């Protein structure tokens, strides 16, 4: 049993050395944290497990926007696995798997942007959605095409980093407002989101090495 736990810990540690593992760690934290906080914030009508399942389903697919965001998260998980396979032997990454990660991440960003737009989050739809997708799709272009843009490939990775900033600033603003009012759940949601974004930023920076 101890040996099995040690093997699991080593496998987890190896995953966290590359961008794919970090992306999916942030994805899992965001998804589970969002569901948990939504269940806690939903008025309890029924009892126990039934209430939790109903609230979780509402979070995941309670509207077209929520369903689009949930679908985007599934694509992001798949993308994270592609990045993990690309970087499992370190830098330089496997170009085919790395490009597959970029393309699928771009598709996930478009789905996320669509979901955010349906939820009237226009700024985040444009930045976390469209701008992020542009950076990812640009990073997947052949090297000869990337060189046509000033600063080449790093410029597209930089666009991905830039797309994160509005969401991070919004989370910090919401955290400040939550601290001032001292409600527990908004503050917890802001803390979870901020931690996720810091993990994703770390993964973004690691991809710059490709």
C-alpha atoms as a PDB file:
ATOM      1  CA  UNK A   1       0.000   0.000   0.000  1.00  0.00           C
ATOM      2  CA  UNK A   2       2.835   2.393   0.918  1.00  0.00           C
ATOM      3  CA  UNK A   3       4.673   1.550  -2.306  1.00  0.00           C
ATOM      4  CA  UNK A   4       1.515   2.236  -4.329  1.00  0.00           C
ATOM      5  CA  UNK A   5       1.054   5.614  -2.628  1.00  0.00           C
ATOM      6  CA  UNK A   6       4.691   6.428  -3.350  1.00  0.00           C
ATOM      7  CA  UNK A   7       4.209   5.530  -7.029  1.00  0.00           C
ATOM      8  CA  UNK A   8       1.107   7.736  -7.236  1.00  0.00           C
ATOM      9  CA  UNK A   9       2.975  10.623  -5.606  1.00  0.00           C
ATOM     10  CA  UNK A  10       5.888  10.275  -8.030  1.00  0.00           C
ATOM     11  CA  UNK A  11       3.513  10.156 -11.027  1.00  0.00           C
ATOM     12  CA  UNK A  12       1.697  13.239  -9.764  1.00  0.00           C
ATOM     13  CA  UNK A  13       4.993  15.036  -9.192  1.00  0.00           C
ATOM     14  CA  UNK A  14       6.151  14.243 -12.728  1.00  0.00           C
ATOM     15  CA  UNK A  15       2.891  15.598 -14.160  1.00  0.00           C
ATOM     16  CA  UNK A  16       3.352  18.854 -12.278  1.00  0.00           C
ATOM     17  CA  UNK A  17       6.749  19.430 -13.917  1.00  0.00           C
ATOM     18  CA  UNK A  18       5.110  20.184 -17.276  1.00  0.00           C
ATOM     19  CA  UNK A  19       2.457  22.613 -18.488  1.00  0.00           C
ATOM     20  CA  UNK A  20      -0.157  19.929 -19.165  1.00  0.00           C
ATOM     21  CA  UNK A  21      -0.304  18.760 -15.569  1.00  0.00           C
ATOM     22  CA  UNK A  22      -0.496  22.339 -14.319  1.00  0.00           C
ATOM     23  CA  UNK A  23      -3.288  23.230 -16.748  1.00  0.00           C
ATOM     24  CA  UNK A  24      -5.352  20.257 -15.636  1.00  0.00           C
ATOM     25  CA  UNK A  25      -4.629  20.909 -11.955  1.00  0.00           C
ATOM     26  CA  UNK A  26      -6.076  24.394 -12.408  1.00  0.00           C
ATOM     27  CA  UNK A  27      -8.973  23.001 -14.441  1.00  0.00           C
ATOM     28  CA  UNK A  28      -9.830  20.445 -11.753  1.00  0.00           C
ATOM     29  CA  UNK A  29      -9.590  23.007  -8.957  1.00  0.00           C
ATOM     30  CA  UNK A  30     -11.796  25.459 -10.854  1.00  0.00           C
ATOM     31  CA  UNK A  31     -14.415  22.844 -11.731  1.00  0.00           C
ATOM     32  CA  UNK A  32     -14.644  21.204  -8.309  1.00  0.00           C
ATOM     33  CA  UNK A  33     -14.417  24.512  -6.484  1.00  0.00           C
ATOM     34  CA  UNK A  34     -17.145  26.035  -8.643  1.00  0.00           C
ATOM     35  CA  UNK A  35     -19.488  23.087  -8.115  1.00  0.00           C
ATOM     36  CA  UNK A  36     -18.864  23.020  -4.366  1.00  0.00           C
ATOM     37  CA  UNK A  37     -19.465  26.740  -3.920  1.00  0.00           C
ATOM     38  CA  UNK A  38     -22.576  26.627  -6.107  1.00  0.00           C
ATOM     39  CA  UNK A  39     -24.024  23.793  -4.026  1.00  0.00           C
ATOM     40  CA  UNK A  40     -23.288  25.742  -0.851  1.00  0.00           C
ATOM     41  CA  UNK A  41     -24.940  28.879  -2.250  1.00  0.00           C
ATOM     42  CA  UNK A  42     -28.065  27.124  -3.568  1.00  0.00           C
ATOM     43  CA  UNK A  43     -31.053  27.194  -1.165  1.00  0.00           C
ATOM     44  CA  UNK A  44     -31.730  23.674   0.045  1.00  0.00           C
ATOM     45  CA  UNK A  45     -35.228  22.525  -0.898  1.00  0.00           C
ATOM     46  CA  UNK A  46     -34.850  18.783  -0.905  1.00  0.00           C
ATOM     47  CA  UNK A  47     -32.601  16.793   1.322  1.00  0.00           C
ATOM     48  CA  UNK A  48     -28.971  15.666   1.261  1.00  0.00           C
ATOM     49  CA  UNK A  49     -27.638  14.029  -1.878  1.00  0.00           C
ATOM     50  CA  UNK A  50     -30.594  15.039  -4.067  1.00  0.00           C
ATOM     51  CA  UNK A  51     -29.989  18.707  -3.357  1.00  0.00           C
ATOM     52  CA  UNK A  52     -26.303  18.388  -4.155  1.00  0.00           C
ATOM     53  CA  UNK A  53     -26.898  16.607  -7.464  1.00  0.00           C
ATOM     54  CA  UNK A  54     -29.555  19.085  -8.526  1.00  0.00           C
ATOM     55  CA  UNK A  55     -27.325  22.053  -7.710  1.00  0.00           C
ATOM     56  CA  UNK A  56     -24.342  20.451  -9.496  1.00  0.00           C
ATOM     57  CA  UNK A  57     -26.400  19.799 -12.639  1.00  0.00           C
ATOM     58  CA  UNK A  58     -27.633  23.385 -12.542  1.00  0.00           C
ATOM     59  CA  UNK A  59     -24.018  24.600 -12.373  1.00  0.00           C
ATOM     60  CA  UNK A  60     -22.907  22.361 -15.237  1.00  0.00           C
ATOM     61  CA  UNK A  61     -25.877  22.632 -17.597  1.00  0.00           C
ATOM     62  CA  UNK A  62     -28.505  24.884 -16.074  1.00  0.00           C
ATOM     63  CA  UNK A  63     -28.431  27.158 -19.125  1.00  0.00           C
ATOM     64  CA  UNK A  64     -26.959  27.218 -22.628  1.00  0.00           C
ATOM     65  CA  UNK A  65     -24.129  29.401 -21.329  1.00  0.00           C
ATOM     66  CA  UNK A  66     -23.345  27.011 -18.474  1.00  0.00           C
ATOM     67  CA  UNK A  67     -23.416  24.028 -20.841  1.00  0.00           C
ATOM     68  CA  UNK A  68     -21.013  25.751 -23.256  1.00  0.00           C
ATOM     69  CA  UNK A  69     -18.600  26.550 -20.429  1.00  0.00           C
ATOM     70  CA  UNK A  70     -18.786  22.951 -19.151  1.00  0.00           C
ATOM     71  CA  UNK A  71     -18.056  21.669 -22.665  1.00  0.00           C
ATOM     72  CA  UNK A  72     -15.122  24.073 -22.909  1.00  0.00           C
ATOM     73  CA  UNK A  73     -13.732  22.678 -19.653  1.00  0.00           C
ATOM     74  CA  UNK A  74     -13.870  19.132 -21.037  1.00  0.00           C
ATOM     75  CA  UNK A  75     -11.947  20.311 -24.112  1.00  0.00           C
ATOM     76  CA  UNK A  76      -9.409  22.052 -21.865  1.00  0.00           C
ATOM     77  CA  UNK A  77      -8.869  18.799 -19.941  1.00  0.00           C
ATOM     78  CA  UNK A  78      -8.206  16.997 -23.225  1.00  0.00           C
ATOM     79  CA  UNK A  79      -5.865  19.805 -24.252  1.00  0.00           C
ATOM     80  CA  UNK A  80      -3.974  19.523 -20.962  1.00  0.00           C
ATOM     81  CA  UNK A  81      -3.392  15.834 -21.630  1.00  0.00           C
ATOM     82  CA  UNK A  82      -1.972  16.656 -25.071  1.00  0.00           C
ATOM     83  CA  UNK A  83       0.428  19.148 -23.485  1.00  0.00           C
ATOM     84  CA  UNK A  84       1.422  16.564 -20.879  1.00  0.00           C
ATOM     85  CA  UNK A  85       2.284  14.013 -23.551  1.00  0.00           C
ATOM     86  CA  UNK A  86       4.192  16.643 -25.492  1.00  0.00           C
ATOM     87  CA  UNK A  87       6.326  17.676 -22.499  1.00  0.00           C
ATOM     88  CA  UNK A  88       6.714  14.352 -20.655  1.00  0.00           C
ATOM     89  CA  UNK A  89      10.378  14.165 -21.709  1.00  0.00           C
ATOM     90  CA  UNK A  90      11.015  17.863 -21.097  1.00  0.00           C
ATOM     91  CA  UNK A  91      11.969  20.575 -23.572  1.00  0.00           C
ATOM     92  CA  UNK A  92      11.838  20.688 -26.522  1.00  0.00           C
ATOM     93  CA  UNK A  93       8.329  19.195 -26.606  1.00  0.00           C
ATOM     94  CA  UNK A  94       6.885  16.779 -29.124  1.00  0.00           C
ATOM     95  CA  UNK A  95       5.745  19.229 -31.826  1.00  0.00           C
ATOM     96  CA  UNK A  96       2.732  17.185 -32.952  1.00  0.00           C
ATOM     97  CA  UNK A  97       1.286  16.772 -29.458  1.00  0.00           C
ATOM     98  CA  UNK A  98       2.146  20.362 -28.535  1.00  0.00           C
ATOM     99  CA  UNK A  99       0.334  21.659 -31.616  1.00  0.00           C
ATOM    100  CA  UNK A 100      -2.643  19.418 -30.819  1.00  0.00           C
ATOM    101  CA  UNK A 101      -2.694  20.996 -27.353  1.00  0.00           C
ATOM    102  CA  UNK A 102      -2.675  24.487 -28.846  1.00  0.00           C
ATOM    103  CA  UNK A 103      -5.446  23.750 -31.342  1.00  0.00           C
ATOM    104  CA  UNK A 104      -7.733  22.031 -28.842  1.00  0.00           C
ATOM    105  CA  UNK A 105      -7.085  24.777 -26.293  1.00  0.00           C
ATOM    106  CA  UNK A 106      -8.089  27.338 -28.919  1.00  0.00           C
ATOM    107  CA  UNK A 107     -11.329  25.435 -29.535  1.00  0.00           C
ATOM    108  CA  UNK A 108     -11.956  25.328 -25.793  1.00  0.00           C
ATOM    109  CA  UNK A 109     -11.395  29.081 -25.574  1.00  0.00           C
ATOM    110  CA  UNK A 110     -13.965  29.705 -28.316  1.00  0.00           C
ATOM    111  CA  UNK A 111     -16.519  27.579 -26.458  1.00  0.00           C
ATOM    112  CA  UNK A 112     -15.692  29.428 -23.246  1.00  0.00           C
ATOM    113  CA  UNK A 113     -16.108  32.780 -24.976  1.00  0.00           C
ATOM    114  CA  UNK A 114     -19.475  31.699 -26.381  1.00  0.00           C
ATOM    115  CA  UNK A 115     -20.659  30.619 -22.935  1.00  0.00           C
ATOM    116  CA  UNK A 116     -19.469  33.849 -21.329  1.00  0.00           C
ATOM    117  CA  UNK A 117     -21.205  35.860 -24.058  1.00  0.00           C
ATOM    118  CA  UNK A 118     -24.479  34.055 -23.358  1.00  0.00           C
ATOM    119  CA  UNK A 119     -24.028  34.993 -19.698  1.00  0.00           C
ATOM    120  CA  UNK A 120     -23.554  38.675 -20.624  1.00  0.00           C
ATOM    121  CA  UNK A 121     -19.850  38.630 -19.706  1.00  0.00           C
ATOM    122  CA  UNK A 122     -18.841  40.503 -22.860  1.00  0.00           C
ATOM    123  CA  UNK A 123     -15.365  41.626 -21.764  1.00  0.00           C
ATOM    124  CA  UNK A 124     -14.359  38.158 -20.607  1.00  0.00           C
ATOM    125  CA  UNK A 125     -15.870  36.625 -23.753  1.00  0.00           C
ATOM    126  CA  UNK A 126     -13.626  38.874 -25.854  1.00  0.00           C
ATOM    127  CA  UNK A 127     -10.458  38.329 -23.793  1.00  0.00           C
ATOM    128  CA  UNK A 128     -10.605  34.932 -22.080  1.00  0.00           C
ATOM    129  CA  UNK A 129     -12.445  33.628 -25.159  1.00  0.00           C
ATOM    130  CA  UNK A 130     -11.511  35.239 -28.487  1.00  0.00           C
ATOM    131  CA  UNK A 131      -8.119  36.734 -27.571  1.00  0.00           C
ATOM    132  CA  UNK A 132      -7.027  33.545 -25.837  1.00  0.00           C
ATOM    133  CA  UNK A 133      -8.120  31.482 -28.849  1.00  0.00           C
ATOM    134  CA  UNK A 134      -6.178  33.784 -31.185  1.00  0.00           C
ATOM    135  CA  UNK A 135      -3.008  33.235 -29.148  1.00  0.00           C
ATOM    136  CA  UNK A 136      -3.454  29.475 -29.074  1.00  0.00           C
ATOM    137  CA  UNK A 137      -4.310  29.112 -32.769  1.00  0.00           C
ATOM    138  CA  UNK A 138      -1.402  31.414 -33.639  1.00  0.00           C
ATOM    139  CA  UNK A 139       0.929  29.243 -31.556  1.00  0.00           C
ATOM    140  CA  UNK A 140      -0.203  26.220 -33.595  1.00  0.00           C
ATOM    141  CA  UNK A 141       0.760  27.808 -36.928  1.00  0.00           C
ATOM    142  CA  UNK A 142       3.800  26.511 -38.811  1.00  0.00           C
ATOM    143  CA  UNK A 143       7.030  28.245 -37.790  1.00  0.00           C
ATOM    144  CA  UNK A 144       7.389  29.887 -41.223  1.00  0.00           C
ATOM    145  CA  UNK A 145       3.995  31.564 -40.808  1.00  0.00           C
ATOM    146  CA  UNK A 146       4.722  32.617 -37.245  1.00  0.00           C
ATOM    147  CA  UNK A 147       7.857  34.443 -38.389  1.00  0.00           C
ATOM    148  CA  UNK A 148       5.671  36.749 -40.487  1.00  0.00           C
ATOM    149  CA  UNK A 149       4.465  38.331 -37.231  1.00  0.00           C
ATOM    150  CA  UNK A 150       6.787  40.693 -35.304  1.00  0.00           C
ATOM    151  CA  UNK A 151       8.651  38.725 -32.604  1.00  0.00           C
ATOM    152  CA  UNK A 152       7.410  35.468 -34.132  1.00  0.00           C
ATOM    153  CA  UNK A 153       6.192  32.580 -31.984  1.00  0.00           C
ATOM    154  CA  UNK A 154       6.694  34.315 -28.582  1.00  0.00           C
ATOM    155  CA  UNK A 155       4.198  36.987 -29.678  1.00  0.00           C
ATOM    156  CA  UNK A 156       1.386  34.415 -29.820  1.00  0.00           C
ATOM    157  CA  UNK A 157       2.330  32.989 -26.420  1.00  0.00           C
ATOM    158  CA  UNK A 158       2.327  36.583 -25.158  1.00  0.00           C
ATOM    159  CA  UNK A 159      -1.218  37.062 -26.461  1.00  0.00           C
ATOM    160  CA  UNK A 160      -2.300  34.102 -24.322  1.00  0.00           C
ATOM    161  CA  UNK A 161      -0.722  35.732 -21.262  1.00  0.00           C
ATOM    162  CA  UNK A 162      -2.391  39.047 -22.099  1.00  0.00           C
ATOM    163  CA  UNK A 163      -5.793  37.368 -22.398  1.00  0.00           C
ATOM    164  CA  UNK A 164      -5.572  36.318 -18.738  1.00  0.00           C
ATOM    165  CA  UNK A 165      -5.125  39.826 -17.325  1.00  0.00           C
ATOM    166  CA  UNK A 166      -8.724  41.175 -17.462  1.00  0.00           C
ATOM    167  CA  UNK A 167     -10.044  38.083 -15.667  1.00  0.00           C
ATOM    168  CA  UNK A 168      -7.310  38.307 -13.006  1.00  0.00           C
ATOM    169  CA  UNK A 169      -8.015  41.997 -12.439  1.00  0.00           C
ATOM    170  CA  UNK A 170     -11.738  41.258 -12.183  1.00  0.00           C
ATOM    171  CA  UNK A 171     -11.088  38.502  -9.620  1.00  0.00           C
ATOM    172  CA  UNK A 172      -8.886  40.849  -7.562  1.00  0.00           C
ATOM    173  CA  UNK A 173     -11.568  43.561  -7.693  1.00  0.00           C
ATOM    174  CA  UNK A 174     -14.241  41.085  -6.582  1.00  0.00           C
ATOM    175  CA  UNK A 175     -11.961  39.815  -3.805  1.00  0.00           C
ATOM    176  CA  UNK A 176     -11.452  43.365  -2.542  1.00  0.00           C
ATOM    177  CA  UNK A 177     -15.205  43.949  -2.529  1.00  0.00           C
ATOM    178  CA  UNK A 178     -15.762  40.631  -0.751  1.00  0.00           C
ATOM    179  CA  UNK A 179     -13.194  41.490   1.934  1.00  0.00           C
ATOM    180  CA  UNK A 180     -14.887  44.837   2.505  1.00  0.00           C
ATOM    181  CA  UNK A 181     -18.289  43.175   2.933  1.00  0.00           C
ATOM    182  CA  UNK A 182     -16.880  40.065   4.634  1.00  0.00           C
ATOM    183  CA  UNK A 183     -19.201  37.497   2.951  1.00  0.00           C
ATOM    184  CA  UNK A 184     -17.510  34.107   3.031  1.00  0.00           C
ATOM    185  CA  UNK A 185     -18.644  32.532  -0.256  1.00  0.00           C
ATOM    186  CA  UNK A 186     -17.711  35.349  -2.695  1.00  0.00           C
ATOM    187  CA  UNK A 187     -14.334  35.619  -1.016  1.00  0.00           C
ATOM    188  CA  UNK A 188     -13.794  31.860  -1.290  1.00  0.00           C
ATOM    189  CA  UNK A 189     -14.802  31.924  -4.978  1.00  0.00           C
ATOM    190  CA  UNK A 190     -12.350  34.749  -5.674  1.00  0.00           C
ATOM    191  CA  UNK A 191      -9.577  32.899  -3.828  1.00  0.00           C
ATOM    192  CA  UNK A 192     -10.157  29.685  -5.809  1.00  0.00           C
ATOM    193  CA  UNK A 193     -10.250  31.546  -9.136  1.00  0.00           C
ATOM    194  CA  UNK A 194      -7.109  33.524  -8.342  1.00  0.00           C
ATOM    195  CA  UNK A 195      -5.228  30.342  -7.452  1.00  0.00           C
ATOM    196  CA  UNK A 196      -6.400  28.708 -10.695  1.00  0.00           C
ATOM    197  CA  UNK A 197      -5.249  31.679 -12.755  1.00  0.00           C
ATOM    198  CA  UNK A 198      -1.833  31.675 -11.089  1.00  0.00           C
ATOM    199  CA  UNK A 199      -1.447  27.975 -11.928  1.00  0.00           C
ATOM    200  CA  UNK A 200      -2.553  28.561 -15.536  1.00  0.00           C
ATOM    201  CA  UNK A 201      -0.149  31.501 -15.839  1.00  0.00           C
ATOM    202  CA  UNK A 202       2.692  29.275 -14.674  1.00  0.00           C
ATOM    203  CA  UNK A 203       1.767  26.768 -17.389  1.00  0.00           C
ATOM    204  CA  UNK A 204       1.561  29.564 -19.988  1.00  0.00           C
ATOM    205  CA  UNK A 205       5.074  30.696 -19.077  1.00  0.00           C
ATOM    206  CA  UNK A 206       6.393  27.140 -19.325  1.00  0.00           C
ATOM    207  CA  UNK A 207       5.026  26.906 -22.866  1.00  0.00           C
ATOM    208  CA  UNK A 208       7.205  29.877 -23.824  1.00  0.00           C
ATOM    209  CA  UNK A 209      10.119  27.402 -23.852  1.00  0.00           C
ATOM    210  CA  UNK A 210       8.641  25.615 -26.858  1.00  0.00           C
END
